[in-house]
Amino acid sequence: MESNTSNHDDKIMHCSTFDELLDVEYGKFGTPEREQFDANAAAFCLAETLKEERLKARLTQ
């Protein structure tokens, strides 16, 4: 198991862009794992934007 972790860590250390890191962590663009990550990230960003705008408008939940 340690060699698997070491190989993964090596791949991460050789990433030079954020897209490469996402490929290592979540799979290439278009794979189900990457699509799920992208959907979760978009939902998180939308929720955070909504919270910020509600605070600016002084609205409570």
PDB file of N, CA and C in Angstrom:
ATOM      1  N   MET A   1       0.829  -1.198   0.000  1.00  0.00           N
ATOM      2  CA  MET A   1       0.000   0.000   0.000  1.00  0.00           C
ATOM      3  C   MET A   1       0.868   1.255   0.000  1.00  0.00           C
ATOM      4  N   GLU A   2       1.994   1.195   0.670  1.00  0.00           N
ATOM      5  CA  GLU A   2       2.853   2.373   0.762  1.00  0.00           C
ATOM      6  C   GLU A   2       3.338   2.818  -0.615  1.00  0.00           C
ATOM      7  N   SER A   3       3.659   1.879  -1.506  1.00  0.00           N
ATOM      8  CA  SER A   3       4.133   2.253  -2.838  1.00  0.00           C
ATOM      9  C   SER A   3       3.037   2.951  -3.628  1.00  0.00           C
ATOM     10  N   ASN A   4       1.775   2.572  -3.408  1.00  0.00           N
ATOM     11  CA  ASN A   4       0.648   3.240  -4.051  1.00  0.00           C
ATOM     12  C   ASN A   4       0.569   4.695  -3.609  1.00  0.00           C
ATOM     13  N   THR A   5       0.699   4.911  -2.312  1.00  0.00           N
ATOM     14  CA  THR A   5       0.670   6.263  -1.760  1.00  0.00           C
ATOM     15  C   THR A   5       1.870   7.057  -2.259  1.00  0.00           C
ATOM     16  N   SER A   6       3.021   6.414  -2.298  1.00  0.00           N
ATOM     17  CA  SER A   6       4.231   7.079  -2.766  1.00  0.00           C
ATOM     18  C   SER A   6       4.091   7.481  -4.231  1.00  0.00           C
ATOM     19  N   ASN A   7       3.531   6.611  -5.055  1.00  0.00           N
ATOM     20  CA  ASN A   7       3.322   6.905  -6.473  1.00  0.00           C
ATOM     21  C   ASN A   7       2.365   8.087  -6.623  1.00  0.00           C
ATOM     22  N   HIS A   8       1.299   8.094  -5.842  1.00  0.00           N
ATOM     23  CA  HIS A   8       0.331   9.197  -5.870  1.00  0.00           C
ATOM     24  C   HIS A   8       1.010  10.504  -5.454  1.00  0.00           C
ATOM     25  N   ASP A   9       1.783  10.441  -4.386  1.00  0.00           N
ATOM     26  CA  ASP A   9       2.497  11.634  -3.922  1.00  0.00           C
ATOM     27  C   ASP A   9       3.483  12.137  -4.977  1.00  0.00           C
ATOM     28  N   ASP A  10       4.153  11.209  -5.659  1.00  0.00           N
ATOM     29  CA  ASP A  10       5.087  11.600  -6.724  1.00  0.00           C
ATOM     30  C   ASP A  10       4.354  12.320  -7.846  1.00  0.00           C
ATOM     31  N   LYS A  11       3.189  11.795  -8.224  1.00  0.00           N
ATOM     32  CA  LYS A  11       2.406  12.439  -9.281  1.00  0.00           C
ATOM     33  C   LYS A  11       2.006  13.848  -8.872  1.00  0.00           C
ATOM     34  N   ILE A  12       1.600  14.005  -7.616  1.00  0.00           N
ATOM     35  CA  ILE A  12       1.202  15.332  -7.123  1.00  0.00           C
ATOM     36  C   ILE A  12       2.393  16.285  -7.149  1.00  0.00           C
ATOM     37  N   MET A  13       3.532  15.813  -6.729  1.00  0.00           N
ATOM     38  CA  MET A  13       4.720  16.675  -6.663  1.00  0.00           C
ATOM     39  C   MET A  13       5.174  17.134  -8.046  1.00  0.00           C
ATOM     40  N   HIS A  14       4.840  16.394  -9.086  1.00  0.00           N
ATOM     41  CA  HIS A  14       5.264  16.764 -10.437  1.00  0.00           C
ATOM     42  C   HIS A  14       4.223  17.586 -11.186  1.00  0.00           C
ATOM     43  N   CYS A  15       3.149  17.938 -10.536  1.00  0.00           N
ATOM     44  CA  CYS A  15       2.134  18.787 -11.174  1.00  0.00           C
ATOM     45  C   CYS A  15       2.652  20.214 -11.237  1.00  0.00           C
ATOM     46  N   SER A  16       2.453  20.848 -12.374  1.00  0.00           N
ATOM     47  CA  SER A  16       2.889  22.237 -12.493  1.00  0.00           C
ATOM     48  C   SER A  16       1.710  23.192 -12.670  1.00  0.00           C
ATOM     49  N   THR A  17       0.512  22.639 -12.850  1.00  0.00           N
ATOM     50  CA  THR A  17      -0.675  23.485 -12.957  1.00  0.00           C
ATOM     51  C   THR A  17      -1.773  22.923 -12.071  1.00  0.00           C
ATOM     52  N   PHE A  18      -2.751  23.750 -11.778  1.00  0.00           N
ATOM     53  CA  PHE A  18      -3.887  23.314 -10.972  1.00  0.00           C
ATOM     54  C   PHE A  18      -4.689  22.252 -11.720  1.00  0.00           C
ATOM     55  N   ASP A  19      -4.807  22.382 -13.032  1.00  0.00           N
ATOM     56  CA  ASP A  19      -5.528  21.382 -13.830  1.00  0.00           C
ATOM     57  C   ASP A  19      -4.860  20.011 -13.739  1.00  0.00           C
ATOM     58  N   GLU A  20      -3.543  19.987 -13.743  1.00  0.00           N
ATOM     59  CA  GLU A  20      -2.826  18.714 -13.602  1.00  0.00           C
ATOM     60  C   GLU A  20      -3.102  18.104 -12.228  1.00  0.00           C
ATOM     61  N   LEU A  21      -3.137  18.922 -11.198  1.00  0.00           N
ATOM     62  CA  LEU A  21      -3.438  18.433  -9.853  1.00  0.00           C
ATOM     63  C   LEU A  21      -4.852  17.858  -9.792  1.00  0.00           C
ATOM     64  N   LEU A  22      -5.801  18.547 -10.419  1.00  0.00           N
ATOM     65  CA  LEU A  22      -7.170  18.019 -10.459  1.00  0.00           C
ATOM     66  C   LEU A  22      -7.225  16.690 -11.216  1.00  0.00           C
ATOM     67  N   ASP A  23      -6.446  16.563 -12.287  1.00  0.00           N
ATOM     68  CA  ASP A  23      -6.403  15.311 -13.031  1.00  0.00           C
ATOM     69  C   ASP A  23      -5.917  14.164 -12.143  1.00  0.00           C
ATOM     70  N   VAL A  24      -4.900  14.416 -11.338  1.00  0.00           N
ATOM     71  CA  VAL A  24      -4.352  13.382 -10.454  1.00  0.00           C
ATOM     72  C   VAL A  24      -5.349  13.041  -9.354  1.00  0.00           C
ATOM     73  N   GLU A  25      -5.950  14.047  -8.758  1.00  0.00           N
ATOM     74  CA  GLU A  25      -6.836  13.829  -7.614  1.00  0.00           C
ATOM     75  C   GLU A  25      -8.219  13.307  -7.995  1.00  0.00           C
ATOM     76  N   TYR A  26      -8.790  13.813  -9.100  1.00  0.00           N
ATOM     77  CA  TYR A  26     -10.195  13.524  -9.423  1.00  0.00           C
ATOM     78  C   TYR A  26     -10.404  12.914 -10.800  1.00  0.00           C
ATOM     79  N   GLY A  27      -9.340  12.702 -11.549  1.00  0.00           N
ATOM     80  CA  GLY A  27      -9.471  12.117 -12.875  1.00  0.00           C
ATOM     81  C   GLY A  27      -9.491  13.182 -13.956  1.00  0.00           C
ATOM     82  N   LYS A  28      -9.317  12.731 -15.166  1.00  0.00           N
ATOM     83  CA  LYS A  28      -9.317  13.639 -16.313  1.00  0.00           C
ATOM     84  C   LYS A  28     -10.697  14.249 -16.516  1.00  0.00           C
ATOM     85  N   PHE A  29     -10.722  15.408 -17.169  1.00  0.00           N
ATOM     86  CA  PHE A  29     -11.967  16.093 -17.478  1.00  0.00           C
ATOM     87  C   PHE A  29     -12.863  15.161 -18.280  1.00  0.00           C
ATOM     88  N   GLY A  30     -14.115  15.059 -17.866  1.00  0.00           N
ATOM     89  CA  GLY A  30     -15.065  14.197 -18.553  1.00  0.00           C
ATOM     90  C   GLY A  30     -15.321  12.872 -17.861  1.00  0.00           C
ATOM     91  N   THR A  31     -14.445  12.493 -16.917  1.00  0.00           N
ATOM     92  CA  THR A  31     -14.685  11.251 -16.176  1.00  0.00           C
ATOM     93  C   THR A  31     -15.766  11.496 -15.126  1.00  0.00           C
ATOM     94  N   PRO A  32     -16.481  10.452 -14.725  1.00  0.00           N
ATOM     95  CA  PRO A  32     -17.542  10.637 -13.724  1.00  0.00           C
ATOM     96  C   PRO A  32     -17.043  11.269 -12.418  1.00  0.00           C
ATOM     97  N   GLU A  33     -15.843  10.866 -11.984  1.00  0.00           N
ATOM     98  CA  GLU A  33     -15.303  11.420 -10.732  1.00  0.00           C
ATOM     99  C   GLU A  33     -15.040  12.919 -10.865  1.00  0.00           C
ATOM    100  N   ARG A  34     -14.495  13.329 -12.011  1.00  0.00           N
ATOM    101  CA  ARG A  34     -14.194  14.742 -12.237  1.00  0.00           C
ATOM    102  C   ARG A  34     -15.478  15.542 -12.384  1.00  0.00           C
ATOM    103  N   GLU A  35     -16.479  14.973 -13.074  1.00  0.00           N
ATOM    104  CA  GLU A  35     -17.764  15.651 -13.235  1.00  0.00           C
ATOM    105  C   GLU A  35     -18.416  15.879 -11.861  1.00  0.00           C
ATOM    106  N   GLN A  36     -18.313  14.878 -10.976  1.00  0.00           N
ATOM    107  CA  GLN A  36     -18.885  15.021  -9.635  1.00  0.00           C
ATOM    108  C   GLN A  36     -18.153  16.107  -8.849  1.00  0.00           C
ATOM    109  N   PHE A  37     -16.815  16.112  -8.944  1.00  0.00           N
ATOM    110  CA  PHE A  37     -16.037  17.145  -8.280  1.00  0.00           C
ATOM    111  C   PHE A  37     -16.429  18.530  -8.788  1.00  0.00           C
ATOM    112  N   ASP A  38     -16.525  18.686 -10.104  1.00  0.00           N
ATOM    113  CA  ASP A  38     -16.881  19.975 -10.694  1.00  0.00           C
ATOM    114  C   ASP A  38     -18.275  20.420 -10.247  1.00  0.00           C
ATOM    115  N   ALA A  39     -19.216  19.483 -10.185  1.00  0.00           N
ATOM    116  CA  ALA A  39     -20.573  19.813  -9.735  1.00  0.00           C
ATOM    117  C   ALA A  39     -20.563  20.235  -8.273  1.00  0.00           C
ATOM    118  N   ASN A  40     -19.827  19.524  -7.445  1.00  0.00           N
ATOM    119  CA  ASN A  40     -19.740  19.885  -6.023  1.00  0.00           C
ATOM    120  C   ASN A  40     -19.065  21.240  -5.826  1.00  0.00           C
ATOM    121  N   ALA A  41     -18.022  21.506  -6.605  1.00  0.00           N
ATOM    122  CA  ALA A  41     -17.319  22.785  -6.500  1.00  0.00           C
ATOM    123  C   ALA A  41     -18.230  23.940  -6.919  1.00  0.00           C
ATOM    124  N   ALA A  42     -18.982  23.743  -7.986  1.00  0.00           N
ATOM    125  CA  ALA A  42     -19.899  24.791  -8.447  1.00  0.00           C
ATOM    126  C   ALA A  42     -20.991  25.044  -7.408  1.00  0.00           C
ATOM    127  N   ALA A  43     -21.517  23.987  -6.811  1.00  0.00           N
ATOM    128  CA  ALA A  43     -22.558  24.135  -5.788  1.00  0.00           C
ATOM    129  C   ALA A  43     -22.004  24.870  -4.573  1.00  0.00           C
ATOM    130  N   PHE A  44     -20.772  24.550  -4.181  1.00  0.00           N
ATOM    131  CA  PHE A  44     -20.140  25.226  -3.048  1.00  0.00           C
ATOM    132  C   PHE A  44     -19.961  26.713  -3.337  1.00  0.00           C
ATOM    133  N   CYS A  45     -19.465  27.047  -4.519  1.00  0.00           N
ATOM    134  CA  CYS A  45     -19.257  28.455  -4.884  1.00  0.00           C
ATOM    135  C   CYS A  45     -20.571  29.221  -4.902  1.00  0.00           C
ATOM    136  N   LEU A  46     -21.608  28.610  -5.444  1.00  0.00           N
ATOM    137  CA  LEU A  46     -22.913  29.254  -5.473  1.00  0.00           C
ATOM    138  C   LEU A  46     -23.438  29.499  -4.061  1.00  0.00           C
ATOM    139  N   ALA A  47     -23.298  28.512  -3.189  1.00  0.00           N
ATOM    140  CA  ALA A  47     -23.763  28.663  -1.807  1.00  0.00           C
ATOM    141  C   ALA A  47     -23.000  29.773  -1.086  1.00  0.00           C
ATOM    142  N   GLU A  48     -21.698  29.837  -1.289  1.00  0.00           N
ATOM    143  CA  GLU A  48     -20.897  30.884  -0.638  1.00  0.00           C
ATOM    144  C   GLU A  48     -21.270  32.265  -1.170  1.00  0.00           C
ATOM    145  N   THR A  49     -21.494  32.375  -2.466  1.00  0.00           N
ATOM    146  CA  THR A  49     -21.910  33.652  -3.053  1.00  0.00           C
ATOM    147  C   THR A  49     -23.260  34.073  -2.493  1.00  0.00           C
ATOM    148  N   LEU A  50     -24.168  33.144  -2.380  1.00  0.00           N
ATOM    149  CA  LEU A  50     -25.488  33.429  -1.827  1.00  0.00           C
ATOM    150  C   LEU A  50     -25.384  33.918  -0.385  1.00  0.00           C
ATOM    151  N   LYS A  51     -24.543  33.262   0.413  1.00  0.00           N
ATOM    152  CA  LYS A  51     -24.355  33.692   1.811  1.00  0.00           C
ATOM    153  C   LYS A  51     -23.804  35.115   1.868  1.00  0.00           C
ATOM    154  N   GLU A  52     -22.814  35.403   1.031  1.00  0.00           N
ATOM    155  CA  GLU A  52     -22.213  36.743   1.013  1.00  0.00           C
ATOM    156  C   GLU A  52     -23.244  37.801   0.631  1.00  0.00           C
ATOM    157  N   GLU A  53     -24.027  37.517  -0.384  1.00  0.00           N
ATOM    158  CA  GLU A  53     -25.030  38.487  -0.844  1.00  0.00           C
ATOM    159  C   GLU A  53     -26.125  38.686   0.205  1.00  0.00           C
ATOM    160  N   ARG A  54     -26.502  37.628   0.899  1.00  0.00           N
ATOM    161  CA  ARG A  54     -27.505  37.754   1.954  1.00  0.00           C
ATOM    162  C   ARG A  54     -26.964  38.613   3.097  1.00  0.00           C
ATOM    163  N   LEU A  55     -25.671  38.455   3.422  1.00  0.00           N
ATOM    164  CA  LEU A  55     -25.065  39.290   4.463  1.00  0.00           C
ATOM    165  C   LEU A  55     -25.042  40.752   4.036  1.00  0.00           C
ATOM    166  N   LYS A  56     -24.681  41.010   2.788  1.00  0.00           N
ATOM    167  CA  LYS A  56     -24.658  42.391   2.289  1.00  0.00           C
ATOM    168  C   LYS A  56     -26.044  43.019   2.342  1.00  0.00           C
ATOM    169  N   ALA A  57     -27.067  42.217   2.062  1.00  0.00           N
ATOM    170  CA  ALA A  57     -28.445  42.721   2.072  1.00  0.00           C
ATOM    171  C   ALA A  57     -29.054  42.701   3.473  1.00  0.00           C
ATOM    172  N   ARG A  58     -28.250  42.241   4.438  1.00  0.00           N
ATOM    173  CA  ARG A  58     -28.696  42.121   5.834  1.00  0.00           C
ATOM    174  C   ARG A  58     -29.947  41.255   5.975  1.00  0.00           C
ATOM    175  N   LEU A  59     -29.941  40.163   5.233  1.00  0.00           N
ATOM    176  CA  LEU A  59     -31.040  39.196   5.315  1.00  0.00           C
ATOM    177  C   LEU A  59     -30.627  38.048   6.235  1.00  0.00           C
ATOM    178  N   THR A  60     -31.572  37.517   6.967  1.00  0.00           N
ATOM    179  CA  THR A  60     -31.308  36.348   7.782  1.00  0.00           C
ATOM    180  C   THR A  60     -31.890  35.135   7.086  1.00  0.00           C
ATOM    181  N   GLN A  61     -31.477  33.995   7.522  1.00  0.00           N
ATOM    182  CA  GLN A  61     -31.970  32.765   6.867  1.00  0.00           C
ATOM    183  C   GLN A  61     -33.346  32.398   7.355  1.00  0.00           C
TER     184      GLN A  61
END
